[in-house]
PDB file of N, CA and C in Angstrom:
ATOM      1  N   MET A   1      -6.908   4.829 -36.504  1.00  0.00           N
ATOM      2  CA  MET A   1      -6.104   4.823 -35.109  1.00  0.00           C
ATOM      3  C   MET A   1      -5.781   6.147 -34.573  1.00  0.00           C
ATOM      4  N   SER A   2      -5.812   6.301 -33.432  1.00  0.00           N
ATOM      5  CA  SER A   2      -5.218   7.542 -32.966  1.00  0.00           C
ATOM      6  C   SER A   2      -3.741   6.812 -32.121  1.00  0.00           C
ATOM      7  N   VAL A   3      -2.969   7.820 -31.900  1.00  0.00           N
ATOM      8  CA  VAL A   3      -1.831   7.420 -31.145  1.00  0.00           C
ATOM      9  C   VAL A   3      -1.532   7.272 -29.793  1.00  0.00           C
ATOM     10  N   GLY A   4      -3.111   7.070 -28.877  1.00  0.00           N
ATOM     11  CA  GLY A   4      -3.600   6.833 -27.515  1.00  0.00           C
ATOM     12  C   GLY A   4      -3.875   5.193 -27.916  1.00  0.00           C
ATOM     13  N   ASP A   5      -4.480   4.880 -29.100  1.00  0.00           N
ATOM     14  CA  ASP A   5      -5.044   3.774 -29.184  1.00  0.00           C
ATOM     15  C   ASP A   5      -3.917   2.783 -29.570  1.00  0.00           C
ATOM     16  N   GLU A   6      -3.012   3.239 -30.592  1.00  0.00           N
ATOM     17  CA  GLU A   6      -2.170   2.622 -30.542  1.00  0.00           C
ATOM     18  C   GLU A   6      -0.801   2.049 -29.938  1.00  0.00           C
ATOM     19  N   TYR A   7      -0.758   2.738 -28.645  1.00  0.00           N
ATOM     20  CA  TYR A   7       0.230   2.817 -27.123  1.00  0.00           C
ATOM     21  C   TYR A   7      -1.411   1.449 -26.320  1.00  0.00           C
ATOM     22  N   ARG A   8      -2.210   2.091 -26.538  1.00  0.00           N
ATOM     23  CA  ARG A   8      -2.977   1.093 -25.418  1.00  0.00           C
ATOM     24  C   ARG A   8      -3.398  -0.450 -26.618  1.00  0.00           C
ATOM     25  N   SER A   9      -2.447  -0.272 -27.540  1.00  0.00           N
ATOM     26  CA  SER A   9      -3.267  -1.684 -28.163  1.00  0.00           C
ATOM     27  C   SER A   9      -1.654  -2.513 -27.901  1.00  0.00           C
ATOM     28  N   ARG A  10      -0.347  -1.663 -28.290  1.00  0.00           N
ATOM     29  CA  ARG A  10       0.986  -1.886 -27.876  1.00  0.00           C
ATOM     30  C   ARG A  10       1.176  -2.605 -26.582  1.00  0.00           C
ATOM     31  N   ALA A  11       0.535  -1.918 -25.219  1.00  0.00           N
ATOM     32  CA  ALA A  11       0.295  -1.801 -24.144  1.00  0.00           C
ATOM     33  C   ALA A  11      -0.083  -3.428 -23.736  1.00  0.00           C
ATOM     34  N   ARG A  12      -1.146  -3.852 -24.461  1.00  0.00           N
ATOM     35  CA  ARG A  12      -1.599  -4.788 -24.343  1.00  0.00           C
ATOM     36  C   ARG A  12      -0.727  -6.153 -24.492  1.00  0.00           C
ATOM     37  N   GLU A  13      -0.275  -5.759 -25.968  1.00  0.00           N
ATOM     38  CA  GLU A  13       0.495  -6.447 -26.091  1.00  0.00           C
ATOM     39  C   GLU A  13       1.723  -7.407 -25.360  1.00  0.00           C
ATOM     40  N   LEU A  14       1.919  -6.365 -24.673  1.00  0.00           N
ATOM     41  CA  LEU A  14       3.385  -6.061 -23.901  1.00  0.00           C
ATOM     42  C   LEU A  14       3.322  -6.497 -22.975  1.00  0.00           C
ATOM     43  N   GLU A  15       1.944  -6.490 -22.322  1.00  0.00           N
ATOM     44  CA  GLU A  15       1.681  -7.475 -20.831  1.00  0.00           C
ATOM     45  C   GLU A  15       0.788  -9.157 -21.233  1.00  0.00           C
ATOM     46  N   ALA A  16       0.113  -9.051 -22.330  1.00  0.00           N
ATOM     47  CA  ALA A  16       0.531 -10.583 -22.697  1.00  0.00           C
ATOM     48  C   ALA A  16       1.652 -11.375 -23.146  1.00  0.00           C
ATOM     49  N   ARG A  17       2.305 -10.746 -23.576  1.00  0.00           N
ATOM     50  CA  ARG A  17       3.804 -11.359 -23.819  1.00  0.00           C
ATOM     51  C   ARG A  17       4.770 -11.735 -22.025  1.00  0.00           C
ATOM     52  N   ALA A  18       4.501 -10.744 -21.270  1.00  0.00           N
ATOM     53  CA  ALA A  18       5.321 -10.534 -20.269  1.00  0.00           C
ATOM     54  C   ALA A  18       4.904 -11.639 -19.737  1.00  0.00           C
ATOM     55  N   GLN A  19       3.333 -11.835 -19.141  1.00  0.00           N
ATOM     56  CA  GLN A  19       2.856 -12.739 -18.924  1.00  0.00           C
ATOM     57  C   GLN A  19       3.329 -14.343 -19.346  1.00  0.00           C
ATOM     58  N   GLU A  20       2.872 -14.634 -20.654  1.00  0.00           N
ATOM     59  CA  GLU A  20       3.403 -15.828 -20.790  1.00  0.00           C
ATOM     60  C   GLU A  20       5.211 -16.381 -20.359  1.00  0.00           C
ATOM     61  N   TRP A  21       5.718 -14.831 -20.428  1.00  0.00           N
ATOM     62  CA  TRP A  21       7.292 -15.336 -20.020  1.00  0.00           C
ATOM     63  C   TRP A  21       7.258 -15.518 -18.606  1.00  0.00           C
ATOM     64  N   LYS A  22       6.201 -14.693 -17.828  1.00  0.00           N
ATOM     65  CA  LYS A  22       6.243 -15.169 -16.257  1.00  0.00           C
ATOM     66  C   LYS A  22       5.897 -16.267 -16.111  1.00  0.00           C
ATOM     67  N   GLU A  23       4.849 -17.236 -17.428  1.00  0.00           N
ATOM     68  CA  GLU A  23       4.629 -18.581 -17.075  1.00  0.00           C
ATOM     69  C   GLU A  23       6.085 -19.012 -17.366  1.00  0.00           C
ATOM     70  N   ALA A  24       6.034 -18.997 -18.362  1.00  0.00           N
ATOM     71  CA  ALA A  24       7.523 -19.891 -18.863  1.00  0.00           C
ATOM     72  C   ALA A  24       8.981 -20.029 -17.614  1.00  0.00           C
ATOM     73  N   ALA A  25       9.183 -18.589 -17.068  1.00  0.00           N
ATOM     74  CA  ALA A  25       9.741 -18.897 -15.858  1.00  0.00           C
ATOM     75  C   ALA A  25       9.568 -19.801 -15.052  1.00  0.00           C
ATOM     76  N   GLU A  26       8.332 -19.843 -14.184  1.00  0.00           N
ATOM     77  CA  GLU A  26       7.463 -20.557 -13.693  1.00  0.00           C
ATOM     78  C   GLU A  26       7.421 -22.244 -13.774  1.00  0.00           C
ATOM     79  N   ARG A  27       7.597 -22.337 -15.078  1.00  0.00           N
ATOM     80  CA  ARG A  27       7.386 -24.056 -15.961  1.00  0.00           C
ATOM     81  C   ARG A  27       9.201 -24.758 -15.736  1.00  0.00           C
ATOM     82  N   ALA A  28      10.322 -23.396 -15.829  1.00  0.00           N
ATOM     83  CA  ALA A  28      11.746 -23.506 -16.108  1.00  0.00           C
ATOM     84  C   ALA A  28      12.167 -24.704 -14.938  1.00  0.00           C
ATOM     85  N   THR A  29      13.285 -25.403 -15.430  1.00  0.00           N
ATOM     86  CA  THR A  29      13.869 -25.919 -14.259  1.00  0.00           C
ATOM     87  C   THR A  29      15.067 -25.547 -14.168  1.00  0.00           C
ATOM     88  N   ASP A  30      16.021 -25.456 -15.700  1.00  0.00           N
ATOM     89  CA  ASP A  30      17.218 -24.493 -15.402  1.00  0.00           C
ATOM     90  C   ASP A  30      16.827 -23.216 -14.626  1.00  0.00           C
ATOM     91  N   PRO A  31      17.734 -22.710 -13.693  1.00  0.00           N
ATOM     92  CA  PRO A  31      17.937 -21.515 -13.089  1.00  0.00           C
ATOM     93  C   PRO A  31      18.341 -20.351 -13.752  1.00  0.00           C
ATOM     94  N   GLU A  32      19.611 -20.665 -14.760  1.00  0.00           N
ATOM     95  CA  GLU A  32      19.406 -19.472 -15.589  1.00  0.00           C
ATOM     96  C   GLU A  32      18.446 -19.487 -16.366  1.00  0.00           C
ATOM     97  N   GLN A  33      17.838 -20.422 -16.962  1.00  0.00           N
ATOM     98  CA  GLN A  33      16.402 -19.694 -18.339  1.00  0.00           C
ATOM     99  C   GLN A  33      15.545 -19.462 -17.181  1.00  0.00           C
ATOM    100  N   ARG A  34      15.055 -19.762 -16.135  1.00  0.00           N
ATOM    101  CA  ARG A  34      14.072 -19.355 -15.338  1.00  0.00           C
ATOM    102  C   ARG A  34      14.724 -17.674 -15.089  1.00  0.00           C
ATOM    103  N   LYS A  35      15.870 -17.148 -14.907  1.00  0.00           N
ATOM    104  CA  LYS A  35      16.212 -15.797 -14.958  1.00  0.00           C
ATOM    105  C   LYS A  35      15.889 -14.952 -15.509  1.00  0.00           C
ATOM    106  N   ARG A  36      16.517 -15.940 -16.908  1.00  0.00           N
ATOM    107  CA  ARG A  36      15.969 -14.731 -18.396  1.00  0.00           C
ATOM    108  C   ARG A  36      15.126 -14.565 -18.979  1.00  0.00           C
ATOM    109  N   LEU A  37      13.783 -15.659 -18.372  1.00  0.00           N
ATOM    110  CA  LEU A  37      12.992 -15.745 -19.100  1.00  0.00           C
ATOM    111  C   LEU A  37      12.209 -14.408 -17.495  1.00  0.00           C
ATOM    112  N   ALA A  38      12.499 -14.444 -16.291  1.00  0.00           N
ATOM    113  CA  ALA A  38      11.529 -13.324 -15.678  1.00  0.00           C
ATOM    114  C   ALA A  38      12.475 -11.818 -16.093  1.00  0.00           C
ATOM    115  N   ASP A  39      13.418 -12.061 -16.623  1.00  0.00           N
ATOM    116  CA  ASP A  39      13.735 -10.616 -15.976  1.00  0.00           C
ATOM    117  C   ASP A  39      13.252 -10.198 -18.150  1.00  0.00           C
ATOM    118  N   LYS A  40      12.819 -10.804 -18.697  1.00  0.00           N
ATOM    119  CA  LYS A  40      12.432 -10.523 -20.046  1.00  0.00           C
ATOM    120  C   LYS A  40      10.942  -9.958 -19.816  1.00  0.00           C
ATOM    121  N   ALA A  41      10.338 -11.244 -18.513  1.00  0.00           N
ATOM    122  CA  ALA A  41       9.038 -10.961 -18.526  1.00  0.00           C
ATOM    123  C   ALA A  41       9.034  -9.040 -17.860  1.00  0.00           C
ATOM    124  N   ARG A  42       9.459  -8.930 -16.783  1.00  0.00           N
ATOM    125  CA  ARG A  42       9.519  -7.977 -16.133  1.00  0.00           C
ATOM    126  C   ARG A  42       9.933  -6.476 -17.108  1.00  0.00           C
ATOM    127  N   ARG A  43      10.894  -6.282 -17.987  1.00  0.00           N
ATOM    128  CA  ARG A  43      11.313  -5.319 -19.172  1.00  0.00           C
ATOM    129  C   ARG A  43       9.640  -5.486 -19.718  1.00  0.00           C
ATOM    130  N   ALA A  44       9.419  -6.409 -20.034  1.00  0.00           N
ATOM    131  CA  ALA A  44       7.897  -5.976 -21.065  1.00  0.00           C
ATOM    132  C   ALA A  44       6.686  -5.856 -19.988  1.00  0.00           C
ATOM    133  N   GLN A  45       6.857  -6.088 -19.048  1.00  0.00           N
ATOM    134  CA  GLN A  45       5.817  -5.666 -18.082  1.00  0.00           C
ATOM    135  C   GLN A  45       6.217  -3.740 -17.862  1.00  0.00           C
ATOM    136  N   GLU A  46       7.158  -3.615 -17.374  1.00  0.00           N
ATOM    137  CA  GLU A  46       7.702  -2.155 -17.884  1.00  0.00           C
ATOM    138  C   GLU A  46       7.761  -0.907 -19.136  1.00  0.00           C
ATOM    139  N   GLN A  47       7.714  -2.046 -20.237  1.00  0.00           N
ATOM    140  CA  GLN A  47       6.901  -1.457 -21.400  1.00  0.00           C
ATOM    141  C   GLN A  47       5.803  -0.918 -21.492  1.00  0.00           C
ATOM    142  N   SER A  48       5.317  -2.319 -20.824  1.00  0.00           N
ATOM    143  CA  SER A  48       3.567  -2.064 -21.177  1.00  0.00           C
ATOM    144  C   SER A  48       3.267  -1.180 -20.248  1.00  0.00           C
ATOM    145  N   GLU A  49       4.040  -0.930 -19.177  1.00  0.00           N
ATOM    146  CA  GLU A  49       2.802   0.132 -18.543  1.00  0.00           C
ATOM    147  C   GLU A  49       3.475   1.830 -18.228  1.00  0.00           C
ATOM    148  N   GLN A  50       4.549   1.690 -19.133  1.00  0.00           N
ATOM    149  CA  GLN A  50       5.150   2.740 -20.089  1.00  0.00           C
ATOM    150  C   GLN A  50       3.682   3.370 -21.190  1.00  0.00           C
ATOM    151  N   ALA A  51       3.996   2.511 -22.112  1.00  0.00           N
ATOM    152  CA  ALA A  51       2.945   2.380 -22.635  1.00  0.00           C
ATOM    153  C   ALA A  51       1.387   2.911 -22.853  1.00  0.00           C
ATOM    154  N   SER A  52       1.008   2.544 -21.477  1.00  0.00           N
ATOM    155  CA  SER A  52      -0.385   2.502 -20.583  1.00  0.00           C
ATOM    156  C   SER A  52      -0.146   4.534 -20.361  1.00  0.00           C
ATOM    157  N   ARG A  53       0.725   4.554 -19.591  1.00  0.00           N
ATOM    158  CA  ARG A  53       1.058   6.002 -19.410  1.00  0.00           C
ATOM    159  C   ARG A  53       0.859   6.491 -20.812  1.00  0.00           C
ATOM    160  N   MET A  54       1.613   6.260 -21.407  1.00  0.00           N
ATOM    161  CA  MET A  54       2.030   7.194 -22.558  1.00  0.00           C
ATOM    162  C   MET A  54      -0.010   7.293 -23.374  1.00  0.00           C
ATOM    163  N   ALA A  55      -0.585   6.122 -23.368  1.00  0.00           N
ATOM    164  CA  ALA A  55      -1.390   6.336 -23.977  1.00  0.00           C
ATOM    165  C   ALA A  55      -2.913   7.283 -23.481  1.00  0.00           C
ATOM    166  N   GLY A  56      -2.541   7.023 -21.972  1.00  0.00           N
ATOM    167  CA  GLY A  56      -3.080   8.260 -21.181  1.00  0.00           C
ATOM    168  C   GLY A  56      -3.002   9.634 -21.272  1.00  0.00           C
ATOM    169  N   GLN A  57      -1.603   9.824 -21.335  1.00  0.00           N
ATOM    170  CA  GLN A  57      -1.229  11.225 -22.015  1.00  0.00           C
ATOM    171  C   GLN A  57      -1.877  11.562 -23.066  1.00  0.00           C
ATOM    172  N   GLY A  58      -1.656  11.034 -24.446  1.00  0.00           N
ATOM    173  CA  GLY A  58      -1.837  11.438 -25.600  1.00  0.00           C
ATOM    174  C   GLY A  58      -0.259  11.845 -26.270  1.00  0.00           C
ATOM    175  N   VAL A  59       0.582  10.997 -25.867  1.00  0.00           N
ATOM    176  CA  VAL A  59       2.102  11.732 -25.905  1.00  0.00           C
ATOM    177  C   VAL A  59       2.031  11.143 -27.189  1.00  0.00           C
ATOM    178  N   GLU A  60       2.735  11.615 -28.071  1.00  0.00           N
ATOM    179  CA  GLU A  60       3.241  11.301 -29.887  1.00  0.00           C
ATOM    180  C   GLU A  60       4.524  10.847 -29.697  1.00  0.00           C
ATOM    181  N   PRO A  61       4.813   9.826 -30.286  1.00  0.00           N
ATOM    182  CA  PRO A  61       5.972   9.437 -30.145  1.00  0.00           C
ATOM    183  C   PRO A  61       7.475   9.894 -30.632  1.00  0.00           C
ATOM    184  N   VAL A  62       8.259   9.712 -30.176  1.00  0.00           N
ATOM    185  CA  VAL A  62       9.954  10.436 -30.325  1.00  0.00           C
ATOM    186  C   VAL A  62      10.416   9.720 -31.644  1.00  0.00           C
TER     187      VAL A  62
END
């Protein structure tokens, strides 16, 4: 598996996790829990986007 493939795989995993956390946040009744889950979803989405960019550039991990 190439480095780009690894980044693409990681991006897909993070995207799925972000979606799960976003849905959990929408179902949460406690405002603090909703915020924590939404924050986790946002961070996972950002990491997914970063991994996707790195996959497209063929960047080696540091």
